[in-house]
Amino acid sequence: MEELRINQNFSNIQLELLKLYATNIKENELIDIKNYLAKYFSKKAINKADTIWDRENFDNNEMDKWLNEQ
C-alpha cells in the first residue's frame, strides 16, 4: 500500500486508523473494528476506575451516596 502522506497534526492512532480506512473493507469488518476499539477503551477506563476505587477505599455505600446526590 502506498504510504499515506498527511501534513496535519494527527496522533499516531489517528494515522494508523487513516491507513486502515484508506482500504475498502466490508461493512461487517468495519463494525468489528469499531466494537474492538470500544471494548479496548472501555476496558482501559474500567481498569483506571478500579485502581482509583481501590486506592481511595471506596465501597458500595459511597456509590449509593453518589447516586443519590442532587
N, C-alpha and C. Protein backbone atom coordinates (compact mmCIF):
# COMPACT_ATOMS: atom_id res chain seq x y z
N MET A 1 0.85 -1.17 0.00
CA MET A 1 0.00 0.00 0.00
C MET A 1 0.90 1.23 0.00
N GLU A 2 0.54 2.19 -0.80
CA GLU A 2 1.29 3.43 -0.88
C GLU A 2 1.21 4.17 0.46
N GLU A 3 2.36 4.69 0.91
CA GLU A 3 2.38 5.38 2.19
C GLU A 3 1.52 6.63 2.14
N LEU A 4 0.73 6.80 3.17
CA LEU A 4 -0.16 7.94 3.28
C LEU A 4 0.63 9.13 3.77
N ARG A 5 0.61 10.23 3.02
CA ARG A 5 1.34 11.43 3.41
C ARG A 5 0.33 12.51 3.76
N ILE A 6 0.39 12.94 5.02
CA ILE A 6 -0.55 13.93 5.52
C ILE A 6 0.23 15.01 6.25
N ASN A 7 -0.11 16.26 6.00
CA ASN A 7 0.58 17.36 6.65
C ASN A 7 -0.25 17.95 7.78
N GLN A 8 -1.01 17.13 8.45
CA GLN A 8 -1.81 17.55 9.59
C GLN A 8 -1.13 17.07 10.87
N ASN A 9 -1.59 17.59 11.98
CA ASN A 9 -1.08 17.15 13.28
C ASN A 9 -1.98 16.05 13.84
N PHE A 10 -1.88 14.88 13.26
CA PHE A 10 -2.65 13.73 13.72
C PHE A 10 -1.84 12.95 14.74
N SER A 11 -2.52 12.30 15.66
CA SER A 11 -1.83 11.43 16.61
C SER A 11 -1.44 10.13 15.89
N ASN A 12 -0.62 9.35 16.56
CA ASN A 12 -0.20 8.09 15.94
C ASN A 12 -1.38 7.15 15.70
N ILE A 13 -2.35 7.13 16.62
CA ILE A 13 -3.52 6.26 16.42
C ILE A 13 -4.37 6.76 15.26
N GLN A 14 -4.50 8.07 15.13
CA GLN A 14 -5.28 8.62 14.01
C GLN A 14 -4.64 8.25 12.68
N LEU A 15 -3.31 8.34 12.62
CA LEU A 15 -2.62 7.99 11.38
C LEU A 15 -2.81 6.52 11.03
N GLU A 16 -2.72 5.65 12.02
CA GLU A 16 -2.92 4.22 11.76
C GLU A 16 -4.34 3.95 11.30
N LEU A 17 -5.31 4.61 11.91
CA LEU A 17 -6.70 4.40 11.50
C LEU A 17 -6.94 4.95 10.10
N LEU A 18 -6.32 6.07 9.77
CA LEU A 18 -6.46 6.59 8.41
C LEU A 18 -5.89 5.61 7.38
N LYS A 19 -4.77 4.99 7.72
CA LYS A 19 -4.21 3.97 6.82
C LYS A 19 -5.18 2.81 6.66
N LEU A 20 -5.75 2.38 7.75
CA LEU A 20 -6.70 1.27 7.71
C LEU A 20 -7.92 1.64 6.88
N TYR A 21 -8.46 2.82 7.13
CA TYR A 21 -9.68 3.24 6.45
C TYR A 21 -9.44 3.63 5.00
N ALA A 22 -8.18 3.74 4.61
CA ALA A 22 -7.87 4.01 3.20
C ALA A 22 -8.14 2.77 2.35
N THR A 23 -8.21 1.61 3.01
CA THR A 23 -8.56 0.39 2.29
C THR A 23 -10.07 0.21 2.38
N ASN A 24 -10.64 -0.34 1.37
CA ASN A 24 -12.08 -0.58 1.37
C ASN A 24 -12.35 -1.93 2.02
N ILE A 25 -12.81 -1.86 3.25
CA ILE A 25 -13.14 -3.09 3.95
C ILE A 25 -14.66 -3.25 3.97
N LYS A 26 -15.09 -4.46 4.22
CA LYS A 26 -16.52 -4.74 4.25
C LYS A 26 -17.15 -4.08 5.47
N GLU A 27 -18.43 -3.77 5.36
CA GLU A 27 -19.16 -3.11 6.44
C GLU A 27 -19.10 -3.90 7.74
N ASN A 28 -19.23 -5.23 7.65
CA ASN A 28 -19.18 -6.04 8.88
C ASN A 28 -17.80 -6.00 9.52
N GLU A 29 -16.74 -5.88 8.72
CA GLU A 29 -15.39 -5.75 9.26
C GLU A 29 -15.22 -4.41 9.96
N LEU A 30 -15.79 -3.37 9.39
CA LEU A 30 -15.74 -2.05 9.99
C LEU A 30 -16.45 -2.06 11.35
N ILE A 31 -17.59 -2.71 11.40
CA ILE A 31 -18.34 -2.81 12.66
C ILE A 31 -17.51 -3.58 13.69
N ASP A 32 -16.86 -4.66 13.27
CA ASP A 32 -16.00 -5.42 14.18
C ASP A 32 -14.87 -4.56 14.74
N ILE A 33 -14.26 -3.75 13.90
CA ILE A 33 -13.16 -2.88 14.34
C ILE A 33 -13.68 -1.83 15.31
N LYS A 34 -14.82 -1.24 15.01
CA LYS A 34 -15.41 -0.25 15.93
C LYS A 34 -15.70 -0.88 17.28
N ASN A 35 -16.27 -2.09 17.26
CA ASN A 35 -16.57 -2.79 18.51
C ASN A 35 -15.29 -3.11 19.29
N TYR A 36 -14.26 -3.53 18.57
CA TYR A 36 -12.99 -3.84 19.22
C TYR A 36 -12.43 -2.59 19.89
N LEU A 37 -12.44 -1.47 19.19
CA LEU A 37 -11.92 -0.22 19.76
C LEU A 37 -12.74 0.22 20.97
N ALA A 38 -14.05 0.10 20.87
CA ALA A 38 -14.92 0.48 22.00
C ALA A 38 -14.61 -0.40 23.22
N LYS A 39 -14.47 -1.70 23.01
CA LYS A 39 -14.16 -2.61 24.12
C LYS A 39 -12.79 -2.30 24.71
N TYR A 40 -11.82 -2.02 23.86
CA TYR A 40 -10.46 -1.72 24.32
C TYR A 40 -10.46 -0.49 25.22
N PHE A 41 -11.08 0.61 24.76
CA PHE A 41 -11.07 1.83 25.55
C PHE A 41 -11.97 1.75 26.77
N SER A 42 -13.06 1.01 26.69
CA SER A 42 -13.91 0.86 27.88
C SER A 42 -13.18 0.03 28.94
N LYS A 43 -12.44 -0.98 28.53
CA LYS A 43 -11.68 -1.79 29.48
C LYS A 43 -10.61 -0.94 30.16
N LYS A 44 -9.94 -0.08 29.40
CA LYS A 44 -8.94 0.81 29.99
C LYS A 44 -9.59 1.73 31.02
N ALA A 45 -10.75 2.28 30.71
CA ALA A 45 -11.44 3.19 31.63
C ALA A 45 -11.88 2.45 32.89
N ILE A 46 -12.39 1.25 32.74
CA ILE A 46 -12.82 0.45 33.89
C ILE A 46 -11.63 0.12 34.78
N ASN A 47 -10.51 -0.27 34.17
CA ASN A 47 -9.32 -0.59 34.95
C ASN A 47 -8.83 0.63 35.73
N LYS A 48 -8.86 1.79 35.10
CA LYS A 48 -8.44 3.02 35.78
C LYS A 48 -9.40 3.34 36.93
N ALA A 49 -10.69 3.20 36.70
CA ALA A 49 -11.68 3.45 37.75
C ALA A 49 -11.48 2.46 38.90
N ASP A 50 -11.21 1.20 38.60
CA ASP A 50 -10.97 0.19 39.63
C ASP A 50 -9.74 0.55 40.47
N THR A 51 -8.70 1.05 39.82
CA THR A 51 -7.49 1.46 40.53
C THR A 51 -7.80 2.59 41.51
N ILE A 52 -8.54 3.59 41.04
CA ILE A 52 -8.92 4.70 41.91
C ILE A 52 -9.82 4.22 43.04
N TRP A 53 -10.77 3.37 42.73
CA TRP A 53 -11.70 2.82 43.71
C TRP A 53 -10.91 2.13 44.84
N ASP A 54 -9.94 1.29 44.45
CA ASP A 54 -9.13 0.59 45.44
C ASP A 54 -8.25 1.55 46.24
N ARG A 55 -7.62 2.48 45.56
CA ARG A 55 -6.73 3.43 46.22
C ARG A 55 -7.47 4.28 47.25
N GLU A 56 -8.70 4.68 46.92
CA GLU A 56 -9.50 5.54 47.80
C GLU A 56 -10.35 4.76 48.79
N ASN A 57 -10.26 3.42 48.73
CA ASN A 57 -11.04 2.54 49.63
C ASN A 57 -12.54 2.83 49.56
N PHE A 58 -13.05 3.06 48.36
CA PHE A 58 -14.48 3.26 48.19
C PHE A 58 -15.22 1.95 48.40
N ASP A 59 -16.50 2.05 48.74
CA ASP A 59 -17.32 0.86 48.88
C ASP A 59 -18.71 1.15 48.29
N ASN A 60 -19.58 0.17 48.36
CA ASN A 60 -20.91 0.34 47.77
C ASN A 60 -21.71 1.45 48.44
N ASN A 61 -21.49 1.66 49.73
CA ASN A 61 -22.18 2.75 50.41
C ASN A 61 -21.81 4.10 49.80
N GLU A 62 -20.54 4.26 49.47
CA GLU A 62 -20.08 5.50 48.83
C GLU A 62 -20.76 5.68 47.48
N MET A 63 -20.85 4.61 46.73
CA MET A 63 -21.50 4.67 45.42
C MET A 63 -22.98 5.05 45.57
N ASP A 64 -23.64 4.47 46.55
CA ASP A 64 -25.06 4.81 46.79
C ASP A 64 -25.21 6.29 47.12
N LYS A 65 -24.28 6.85 47.91
CA LYS A 65 -24.34 8.28 48.22
C LYS A 65 -24.22 9.11 46.93
N TRP A 66 -23.29 8.74 46.07
CA TRP A 66 -23.10 9.47 44.80
C TRP A 66 -24.35 9.40 43.95
N LEU A 67 -24.95 8.21 43.90
CA LEU A 67 -26.13 8.02 43.05
C LEU A 67 -27.32 8.84 43.56
N ASN A 68 -27.36 9.12 44.85
CA ASN A 68 -28.49 9.84 45.43
C ASN A 68 -28.23 11.33 45.62
N GLU A 69 -27.05 11.80 45.19
CA GLU A 69 -26.77 13.23 45.28
C GLU A 69 -27.67 13.99 44.31
N GLN A 70 -27.99 15.22 44.70
CA GLN A 70 -28.81 16.03 43.80
C GLN A 70 -28.09 17.26 43.37
